[in-house]
Structures are given as structure tokens and as C-alpha cells.
Amino acid sequence: MARALFDYYRIGIQKLLEAIGPNHHSYADALTLQLRLEENLSETDLFGADPSRQAQRAQILHSCNRLSISATGRSFYYFCGLPEPPPSPRVPADELHREAAYHQLTGDLGYALQLYRQVQQLDPTYPRIDALIADVEREMRAPYVGRDGFVNEALVLPGAPPPPPPSPTRELAPLKYSRRGAHLSFISIGLGLAAFIVLVLLILLYLWLRGMIG
């Protein structure tokens, strides 16, 4: 049973890495967790389970779950293909909603999304819960600024439809404006050249009238 779970964990951390992508700011942390998890699982396979390794593995899995929720709004068990623990019925939906709204406001969209989903599980008729989930998913799919200061690609949420292709109008707009700018530049050059020729002709006419040229 333990070896089967280990395979699920290995698959889960790999799927998590694929979901967040190498441009995500949590990707390096996820790689570190993958190395720590693989080391723990391999040592357990070779030398057997002991309380120290079990405690270390529980800590690693907790970190994987926290990173997964924060980055994708899904628990680590979702990527492992294992059943997710159901939300506690002792926590009222209103309290979960308030906590989710706080995490959404502070930018922790992954936890906000998970809490909204728990509200939906507890009460599918909760006011605007479907719209709130859709709003957070839309925010998470938007491009973000990474630690390097550059705008990175949007996160592809598991099970979410791919982002729509860019509008042809937006792609053609820069080309249209660049052609218009080039056209205006040619007009400016032509007007400048015409003004210079007129000025030269006026000077020659003045000199001819003064008899300086024959």
C-alpha cells in the first residue's frame, strides 16, 4: 500500500510542476520539494520506514500541499489522483466565504479559490459562488509579473479551458499604425524638401533682381 502511495506522490509532484510551469515564481520551490520527496521515498524503499522518515515525509507533503493550493487553487492530492479531504462541516459557509474574500484581497488567489470551492461543496446555492470562483480563476489565468520584473505567461489551471487566441485586430493594429507613421514621415520629408526648393528659388530671384546674376 505504501509503495502504491509513493507512486501517486511521484506522479503528483511531476504534474504540479507541469501545471505551474517553469516561469512561475514557485517553480524552483516545487523542484526542491520534488528532490526532497524523492530522496525520502527512495530511502524508505531501501531501508524501510521509521518514525523519522515518516515525520519528514509528512512535512514535505504538507509543504507540497501548501504550495499547490497557493499556486493553482488545487490541493496536492488532486495532482496525485487521490481523493481530496472533504471540507469540515463544522466550519460555516459564511466563515469560509469571509476567509476566501480576505485571501483574494491580499492576492493569495490559490487559497481563495480552494475556500470558495469548499463553500460551493457545503452549499451549492450560496449566493454568487459560481461567479466568485470564475472571477478568481480568471485572475489566476492572467499574466503576472515574476520576481525578475518581467511579465510571465499566464498560469494554466488544471481542468480550465485554454486562453482564447489573441484578437486579429490587436495583432494588426501595430502594423496599421506603423504604416501610418511611415506615411506621415514621407509627407513631412516631402514638405521640407519643397520648402527648401522654394527658399532657394526666392534667393535666386532676389539676386537676379539686384543684378548680381545674369
Protein backbone atom coordinates (compact mmCIF):
# COMPACT_ATOMS: atom_id res chain seq x y z
CA MET A 1 0.00 0.00 0.00
CA ALA A 2 2.82 2.38 0.91
CA ARG A 3 4.65 1.74 -2.37
CA ALA A 4 1.47 2.45 -4.32
CA LEU A 5 1.10 5.74 -2.46
CA PHE A 6 4.71 6.60 -3.28
CA ASP A 7 3.94 6.24 -6.98
CA TYR A 8 0.98 8.58 -6.58
CA TYR A 9 3.20 11.13 -4.82
CA ARG A 10 5.82 10.98 -7.58
CA ILE A 11 3.17 11.44 -10.26
CA GLY A 12 1.57 14.26 -8.29
CA ILE A 13 4.70 16.38 -7.87
CA GLN A 14 5.52 15.98 -11.57
CA LYS A 15 2.01 17.05 -12.60
CA LEU A 16 2.22 20.00 -10.23
CA LEU A 17 5.46 21.14 -11.88
CA GLU A 18 3.85 20.85 -15.31
CA ALA A 19 0.79 22.78 -14.15
CA ILE A 20 2.63 25.81 -12.78
CA GLY A 21 5.32 25.86 -15.49
CA PRO A 22 8.98 26.95 -15.31
CA ASN A 23 8.12 30.67 -15.45
CA HIS A 24 6.11 30.59 -12.23
CA HIS A 25 7.78 32.12 -9.19
CA SER A 26 7.08 28.93 -7.16
CA TYR A 27 8.66 26.58 -9.71
CA ALA A 28 12.07 26.49 -8.01
CA ASP A 29 10.46 25.72 -4.64
CA ALA A 30 8.46 22.92 -6.26
CA LEU A 31 11.65 21.44 -7.73
CA THR A 32 13.27 21.49 -4.29
CA LEU A 33 10.26 19.71 -2.81
CA GLN A 34 10.41 17.13 -5.60
CA LEU A 35 14.05 16.36 -4.75
CA ARG A 36 13.32 16.13 -1.03
CA LEU A 37 10.30 13.92 -1.62
CA GLU A 38 12.16 11.59 -3.98
CA GLU A 39 15.05 11.28 -1.51
CA ASN A 40 12.66 10.39 1.31
CA LEU A 41 10.73 7.87 -0.78
CA SER A 42 13.90 6.22 -2.11
CA GLU A 43 15.39 5.89 1.38
CA THR A 44 12.15 4.39 2.64
CA ASP A 45 12.15 1.88 -0.23
CA LEU A 46 15.76 0.90 0.52
CA PHE A 47 15.92 0.93 4.31
CA GLY A 48 12.30 0.67 5.39
CA ALA A 49 10.01 3.05 7.21
CA ASP A 50 10.91 4.60 10.53
CA PRO A 51 9.29 7.39 12.58
CA SER A 52 11.90 9.95 11.49
CA ARG A 53 11.33 9.37 7.76
CA GLN A 54 7.57 9.29 8.23
CA ALA A 55 7.63 12.63 10.05
CA GLN A 56 9.90 14.11 7.38
CA ARG A 57 7.61 12.84 4.61
CA ALA A 58 4.55 14.29 6.32
CA GLN A 59 6.30 17.67 6.49
CA ILE A 60 7.27 17.51 2.80
CA LEU A 61 3.74 16.54 1.76
CA HIS A 62 2.34 19.41 3.83
CA SER A 63 4.69 21.82 2.02
CA CYS A 64 3.69 20.34 -1.34
CA ASN A 65 0.04 20.79 -0.49
CA ARG A 66 0.52 24.38 0.63
CA LEU A 67 2.48 25.31 -2.49
CA SER A 68 -0.03 23.54 -4.74
CA ILE A 69 -3.00 25.35 -3.22
CA SER A 70 -1.26 28.71 -3.33
CA ALA A 71 -0.14 28.32 -6.95
CA THR A 72 -3.12 26.53 -8.53
CA GLY A 73 -6.05 26.54 -6.09
CA ARG A 74 -5.92 22.73 -6.06
CA SER A 75 -4.53 20.52 -3.33
CA PHE A 76 -1.51 18.32 -3.94
CA TYR A 77 -3.76 15.26 -3.66
CA TYR A 78 -5.65 16.42 -6.74
CA PHE A 79 -2.48 16.11 -8.82
CA CYS A 80 -1.68 12.78 -7.19
CA GLY A 81 -5.05 11.39 -8.26
CA LEU A 82 -6.00 10.75 -4.64
CA PRO A 83 -9.32 11.79 -3.07
CA GLU A 84 -9.23 15.24 -1.52
CA PRO A 85 -10.30 15.51 2.10
CA PRO A 86 -13.83 16.93 2.33
CA PRO A 87 -14.31 20.33 3.96
CA SER A 88 -15.12 20.28 7.63
CA PRO A 89 -18.89 20.63 8.11
CA ARG A 90 -18.25 22.37 11.43
CA VAL A 91 -16.98 25.49 9.62
CA PRO A 92 -19.94 27.58 8.39
CA ALA A 93 -20.05 28.56 4.74
CA ASP A 94 -20.19 32.25 5.67
CA GLU A 95 -16.93 31.97 7.62
CA LEU A 96 -15.23 30.18 4.74
CA HIS A 97 -16.53 32.87 2.38
CA ARG A 98 -15.10 35.68 4.55
CA GLU A 99 -11.72 33.94 4.74
CA ALA A 100 -11.72 33.36 0.98
CA ALA A 101 -12.53 37.01 0.32
CA TYR A 102 -9.63 38.04 2.57
CA HIS A 103 -7.16 35.80 0.71
CA GLN A 104 -8.46 37.10 -2.63
CA LEU A 105 -8.00 40.68 -1.45
CA THR A 106 -4.42 40.03 -0.29
CA GLY A 107 -3.52 38.31 -3.59
CA ASP A 108 -3.37 34.73 -2.26
CA LEU A 109 -5.63 33.54 -5.06
CA GLY A 110 -4.89 29.83 -4.69
CA TYR A 111 -6.20 29.65 -1.13
CA ALA A 112 -9.12 31.90 -2.02
CA LEU A 113 -10.09 29.56 -4.87
CA GLN A 114 -9.91 26.48 -2.66
CA LEU A 115 -12.02 28.09 0.05
CA TYR A 116 -14.62 29.24 -2.45
CA ARG A 117 -14.79 25.68 -3.75
CA GLN A 118 -15.32 24.42 -0.21
CA VAL A 119 -18.18 26.90 0.18
CA GLN A 120 -19.63 25.51 -3.05
CA GLN A 121 -19.37 21.95 -1.72
CA LEU A 122 -21.06 22.86 1.54
CA ASP A 123 -23.81 24.95 -0.09
CA PRO A 124 -24.11 24.81 -3.90
CA THR A 125 -26.81 27.51 -3.73
CA TYR A 126 -24.61 30.01 -1.89
CA PRO A 127 -25.13 33.48 -3.48
CA ARG A 128 -22.80 34.20 -6.43
CA ILE A 129 -20.44 31.36 -5.51
CA ASP A 130 -20.07 30.23 -9.15
CA ALA A 131 -19.28 33.79 -10.25
CA LEU A 132 -16.74 34.23 -7.44
CA ILE A 133 -14.94 31.04 -8.44
CA ALA A 134 -14.92 32.13 -12.08
CA ASP A 135 -13.50 35.54 -11.12
CA VAL A 136 -10.62 34.04 -9.14
CA GLU A 137 -9.84 31.53 -11.90
CA ARG A 138 -9.77 34.41 -14.40
CA GLU A 139 -7.36 36.34 -12.17
CA MET A 140 -5.09 33.31 -11.84
CA ARG A 141 -5.01 32.80 -15.62
CA ALA A 142 -3.94 36.40 -16.23
CA PRO A 143 -0.24 37.08 -16.93
CA TYR A 144 1.71 38.07 -13.85
CA VAL A 145 4.96 39.88 -13.05
CA GLY A 146 7.60 37.48 -11.76
CA ARG A 147 10.46 38.08 -9.37
CA ASP A 148 12.65 39.13 -12.30
CA GLY A 149 10.31 42.03 -13.06
CA PHE A 150 9.19 40.61 -16.41
CA VAL A 151 5.64 39.69 -17.34
CA ASN A 152 5.37 35.91 -17.43
CA GLU A 153 2.90 33.64 -19.15
CA ALA A 154 -0.49 33.02 -17.66
CA LEU A 155 -0.93 30.03 -15.39
CA VAL A 156 -2.84 27.12 -16.96
CA LEU A 157 -5.21 25.90 -14.28
CA PRO A 158 -5.95 22.15 -14.21
CA GLY A 159 -9.20 21.46 -15.99
CA ALA A 160 -9.56 25.04 -17.19
CA PRO A 161 -10.13 25.84 -20.88
CA PRO A 162 -7.14 27.27 -22.75
CA PRO A 163 -6.98 31.05 -23.01
CA PRO A 164 -8.55 32.50 -26.17
CA PRO A 165 -6.22 33.31 -29.07
CA PRO A 166 -5.25 36.95 -29.46
CA SER A 167 -7.62 39.07 -31.48
CA PRO A 168 -6.53 39.62 -35.12
CA THR A 169 -7.47 43.27 -34.70
CA ARG A 170 -4.93 43.65 -31.90
CA GLU A 171 -2.25 41.91 -33.93
CA LEU A 172 -2.84 44.09 -36.98
CA ALA A 173 -3.18 47.34 -35.06
CA PRO A 174 0.59 47.92 -34.54
CA LEU A 175 1.23 47.23 -38.23
CA LYS A 176 -1.52 49.64 -39.25
CA TYR A 177 -0.16 52.37 -37.01
CA SER A 178 3.40 51.76 -38.15
CA ARG A 179 2.36 52.16 -41.79
CA ARG A 180 0.50 55.34 -40.94
CA GLY A 181 3.59 56.65 -39.13
CA ALA A 182 5.78 55.87 -42.14
CA HIS A 183 3.30 57.61 -44.44
CA LEU A 184 3.34 60.73 -42.26
CA SER A 185 7.14 60.67 -42.21
CA PHE A 186 7.28 60.67 -46.03
CA ILE A 187 4.84 63.60 -46.14
CA SER A 188 6.97 65.54 -43.66
CA ILE A 189 10.14 64.90 -45.68
CA GLY A 190 8.38 65.94 -48.90
CA LEU A 191 7.10 69.19 -47.38
CA GLY A 192 10.51 70.01 -46.01
CA LEU A 193 12.16 69.42 -49.39
CA ALA A 194 9.56 71.58 -51.16
CA ALA A 195 10.11 74.42 -48.67
CA PHE A 196 13.87 74.21 -49.24
CA ILE A 197 13.44 74.42 -53.04
CA VAL A 198 11.09 77.41 -52.73
CA LEU A 199 13.62 79.16 -50.47
CA VAL A 200 16.44 78.58 -52.98
CA LEU A 201 14.29 79.92 -55.83
CA LEU A 202 13.45 83.05 -53.81
CA ILE A 203 17.14 83.68 -53.15
CA LEU A 204 17.99 83.26 -56.84
CA LEU A 205 15.16 85.64 -57.79
CA TYR A 206 16.41 88.23 -55.33
CA LEU A 207 19.94 88.00 -56.68
CA TRP A 208 18.69 88.29 -60.27
CA LEU A 209 16.66 91.38 -59.44
CA ARG A 210 19.72 93.00 -57.85
CA GLY A 211 21.67 92.22 -60.98
CA MET A 212 24.09 90.00 -59.23
CA ILE A 213 23.47 87.19 -61.64
CA GLY A 214 22.85 87.37 -65.39
